[in-house]
């Protein structure tokens, strides 16, 4: 990693990975998938001694978003998500917050991103890769210069996310997996929404869903 300091904590009842991407040159921080426990997230960010400047959402399920509104208000920062995920973020039934957490929760992103759109945030050039399958608006965030990709619930170590929830599709998931691994160089380290990290080379050789 060149200027990226990567940290994170595991939050919520289903053990969601919440990542902190700190630019060691600018001291700016991006938050990926703050799914719960905003006070723990704020405490962890305080210890990093940087300036949060944005929130990246890989998809809209409750276990990835249920601290977003509180953190956005606390830090006065924008929220990024794929354009296709806007309806699910706004629907507490489809995003499962009403049924699975018992507390209906909705999010409205400040920036809705297109497939393969590049954004500049915290001094990083980030490519949004739309990867429907787990949800219709799931996406991955690829920072090519740092050789990392944040895959949400699209890519897991040797596996992929489930496709039987609202707006999910196994046929779309298989297309998305082939698409993303055609794009990512072998050395790219992949940080998923749950569980341990993997890399593109391993998944190309071993992922049974490709």
Foldseek 3Di string as FASTA:
>chain_A
DPQWDKDWAFDDDVGWTWIWTAGNVQLEIEIEQPQDDLVVVVVVNVVSPGQYAEYEYQAQANRRPVCPVVVCVVRVHFYEFAQQRQVCQADQVQSVCCPPVVDRHHDHGPYHDYAQDWDADNNFTWGWHQQAALANGGIKIDRPVVLEIEREQLDDVLEGHDQPGYRHDLVSSLVRVVVVLVPHDQSRWYHYGHDDIDTSVNCVVRRPSD
